[in-house]
């Protein structure tokens, strides 16, 4: 079994309140969950209205599949015009860990 985790640090566009932030982040989280069948959550920077840390995780018996899914999630977030992807970091846990 392989477990992959992806942290996406994003800068939100024209957002001036936490309510507006939720209106931008929630559809991103829902889209990733629906399109890629992964676990997704806003995992950090909840107090900042222009930044968000989105966590994504996937599980599979094949490490390459986990990497492919997480790479696709990263590309999907980077392609969204309402936010800017500042950084992305992947981690993988496998049977040897």
C-alpha atoms as a PDB file:
ATOM      1  CA  UNK A   1       0.000   0.000   0.000  1.00  0.00           C
ATOM      2  CA  UNK A   2       1.238   3.470  -0.895  1.00  0.00           C
ATOM      3  CA  UNK A   3      -0.056   6.703   0.598  1.00  0.00           C
ATOM      4  CA  UNK A   4       0.736   9.991  -1.073  1.00  0.00           C
ATOM      5  CA  UNK A   5       0.266  13.443   0.381  1.00  0.00           C
ATOM      6  CA  UNK A   6       0.349  16.727  -1.497  1.00  0.00           C
ATOM      7  CA  UNK A   7       0.530  20.181   0.108  1.00  0.00           C
ATOM      8  CA  UNK A   8      -0.499  23.074  -2.115  1.00  0.00           C
ATOM      9  CA  UNK A   9       0.271  26.606  -0.944  1.00  0.00           C
ATOM     10  CA  UNK A  10      -1.928  28.990  -2.902  1.00  0.00           C
ATOM     11  CA  UNK A  11      -2.359  32.749  -3.098  1.00  0.00           C
ATOM     12  CA  UNK A  12      -5.932  33.835  -3.697  1.00  0.00           C
ATOM     13  CA  UNK A  13      -6.756  36.683  -6.051  1.00  0.00           C
ATOM     14  CA  UNK A  14      -9.078  39.550  -5.173  1.00  0.00           C
ATOM     15  CA  UNK A  15     -10.157  38.303  -1.735  1.00  0.00           C
ATOM     16  CA  UNK A  16     -10.750  40.694   1.158  1.00  0.00           C
ATOM     17  CA  UNK A  17     -12.404  38.551   3.825  1.00  0.00           C
ATOM     18  CA  UNK A  18     -12.470  35.024   5.182  1.00  0.00           C
ATOM     19  CA  UNK A  19     -15.977  34.636   3.768  1.00  0.00           C
ATOM     20  CA  UNK A  20     -14.720  35.425   0.265  1.00  0.00           C
ATOM     21  CA  UNK A  21     -11.813  33.038   0.849  1.00  0.00           C
ATOM     22  CA  UNK A  22     -14.224  30.197   1.641  1.00  0.00           C
ATOM     23  CA  UNK A  23     -16.148  30.996  -1.546  1.00  0.00           C
ATOM     24  CA  UNK A  24     -12.948  30.453  -3.561  1.00  0.00           C
ATOM     25  CA  UNK A  25     -11.433  27.501  -1.671  1.00  0.00           C
ATOM     26  CA  UNK A  26     -14.558  25.349  -1.277  1.00  0.00           C
ATOM     27  CA  UNK A  27     -15.132  24.852  -5.022  1.00  0.00           C
ATOM     28  CA  UNK A  28     -11.456  23.950  -5.497  1.00  0.00           C
ATOM     29  CA  UNK A  29     -11.646  21.328  -2.754  1.00  0.00           C
ATOM     30  CA  UNK A  30     -14.941  19.945  -4.093  1.00  0.00           C
ATOM     31  CA  UNK A  31     -13.604  19.786  -7.662  1.00  0.00           C
ATOM     32  CA  UNK A  32     -10.466  17.870  -6.648  1.00  0.00           C
ATOM     33  CA  UNK A  33     -12.512  15.457  -4.562  1.00  0.00           C
ATOM     34  CA  UNK A  34     -14.963  14.803  -7.387  1.00  0.00           C
ATOM     35  CA  UNK A  35     -12.553  14.641 -10.347  1.00  0.00           C
ATOM     36  CA  UNK A  36      -9.750  12.613  -8.772  1.00  0.00           C
ATOM     37  CA  UNK A  37     -11.444  10.649  -5.948  1.00  0.00           C
ATOM     38  CA  UNK A  38      -8.946  11.899  -3.342  1.00  0.00           C
ATOM     39  CA  UNK A  39      -9.210  13.175   0.208  1.00  0.00           C
ATOM     40  CA  UNK A  40      -8.891  16.980   0.247  1.00  0.00           C
ATOM     41  CA  UNK A  41      -9.070  19.651   2.934  1.00  0.00           C
ATOM     42  CA  UNK A  42      -8.016  23.182   3.667  1.00  0.00           C
ATOM     43  CA  UNK A  43      -5.208  22.254   6.025  1.00  0.00           C
ATOM     44  CA  UNK A  44      -3.591  25.528   7.005  1.00  0.00           C
ATOM     45  CA  UNK A  45      -3.514  29.316   6.871  1.00  0.00           C
ATOM     46  CA  UNK A  46      -7.150  29.490   7.973  1.00  0.00           C
ATOM     47  CA  UNK A  47      -6.575  32.914   9.576  1.00  0.00           C
ATOM     48  CA  UNK A  48      -5.174  34.518   6.421  1.00  0.00           C
ATOM     49  CA  UNK A  49      -7.687  35.719   3.869  1.00  0.00           C
ATOM     50  CA  UNK A  50      -5.380  35.658   0.804  1.00  0.00           C
ATOM     51  CA  UNK A  51      -3.478  32.394   1.453  1.00  0.00           C
ATOM     52  CA  UNK A  52      -4.599  28.793   1.734  1.00  0.00           C
ATOM     53  CA  UNK A  53      -2.850  25.499   2.315  1.00  0.00           C
ATOM     54  CA  UNK A  54      -4.741  22.691   0.616  1.00  0.00           C
ATOM     55  CA  UNK A  55      -3.891  19.111   1.554  1.00  0.00           C
ATOM     56  CA  UNK A  56      -4.564  16.218  -0.808  1.00  0.00           C
ATOM     57  CA  UNK A  57      -4.036  12.515  -0.148  1.00  0.00           C
ATOM     58  CA  UNK A  58      -4.391   9.362  -2.226  1.00  0.00           C
ATOM     59  CA  UNK A  59      -3.972   5.656  -1.505  1.00  0.00           C
ATOM     60  CA  UNK A  60      -3.188   2.859  -3.953  1.00  0.00           C
ATOM     61  CA  UNK A  61      -1.339  -0.410  -4.286  1.00  0.00           C
ATOM     62  CA  UNK A  62       0.803   1.179  -7.004  1.00  0.00           C
ATOM     63  CA  UNK A  63       3.191   4.049  -6.194  1.00  0.00           C
ATOM     64  CA  UNK A  64       3.180   5.306  -9.787  1.00  0.00           C
ATOM     65  CA  UNK A  65      -0.603   5.633  -9.730  1.00  0.00           C
ATOM     66  CA  UNK A  66      -0.465   7.707  -6.529  1.00  0.00           C
ATOM     67  CA  UNK A  67       2.164  10.011  -8.068  1.00  0.00           C
ATOM     68  CA  UNK A  68       0.111  10.374 -11.266  1.00  0.00           C
ATOM     69  CA  UNK A  69      -3.033  11.311  -9.338  1.00  0.00           C
ATOM     70  CA  UNK A  70      -1.210  13.850  -7.156  1.00  0.00           C
ATOM     71  CA  UNK A  71       0.526  15.357 -10.203  1.00  0.00           C
ATOM     72  CA  UNK A  72      -2.856  15.707 -11.918  1.00  0.00           C
ATOM     73  CA  UNK A  73      -4.273  17.424  -8.824  1.00  0.00           C
ATOM     74  CA  UNK A  74      -1.349  19.843  -8.797  1.00  0.00           C
ATOM     75  CA  UNK A  75      -1.848  20.665 -12.484  1.00  0.00           C
ATOM     76  CA  UNK A  76      -5.587  21.188 -11.957  1.00  0.00           C
ATOM     77  CA  UNK A  77      -4.990  23.684  -9.147  1.00  0.00           C
ATOM     78  CA  UNK A  78      -2.240  25.476 -11.094  1.00  0.00           C
ATOM     79  CA  UNK A  79      -4.631  25.899 -14.031  1.00  0.00           C
ATOM     80  CA  UNK A  80      -7.292  27.704 -11.994  1.00  0.00           C
ATOM     81  CA  UNK A  81      -7.353  31.426 -12.869  1.00  0.00           C
ATOM     82  CA  UNK A  82      -8.702  32.620  -9.506  1.00  0.00           C
ATOM     83  CA  UNK A  83      -5.594  31.559  -7.581  1.00  0.00           C
ATOM     84  CA  UNK A  84      -1.833  31.308  -7.907  1.00  0.00           C
ATOM     85  CA  UNK A  85       0.020  28.149  -6.924  1.00  0.00           C
ATOM     86  CA  UNK A  86       3.019  29.275  -4.857  1.00  0.00           C
ATOM     87  CA  UNK A  87       4.448  25.870  -3.987  1.00  0.00           C
ATOM     88  CA  UNK A  88       3.644  22.186  -4.018  1.00  0.00           C
ATOM     89  CA  UNK A  89       5.250  19.430  -1.993  1.00  0.00           C
ATOM     90  CA  UNK A  90       4.646  15.702  -2.314  1.00  0.00           C
ATOM     91  CA  UNK A  91       5.409  12.968   0.199  1.00  0.00           C
ATOM     92  CA  UNK A  92       5.070   9.226  -0.245  1.00  0.00           C
ATOM     93  CA  UNK A  93       4.763   6.464   2.318  1.00  0.00           C
ATOM     94  CA  UNK A  94       5.182   2.882   1.221  1.00  0.00           C
ATOM     95  CA  UNK A  95       5.636  -0.621   2.631  1.00  0.00           C
ATOM     96  CA  UNK A  96       9.282   0.035   3.489  1.00  0.00           C
ATOM     97  CA  UNK A  97       8.423   2.988   5.777  1.00  0.00           C
END
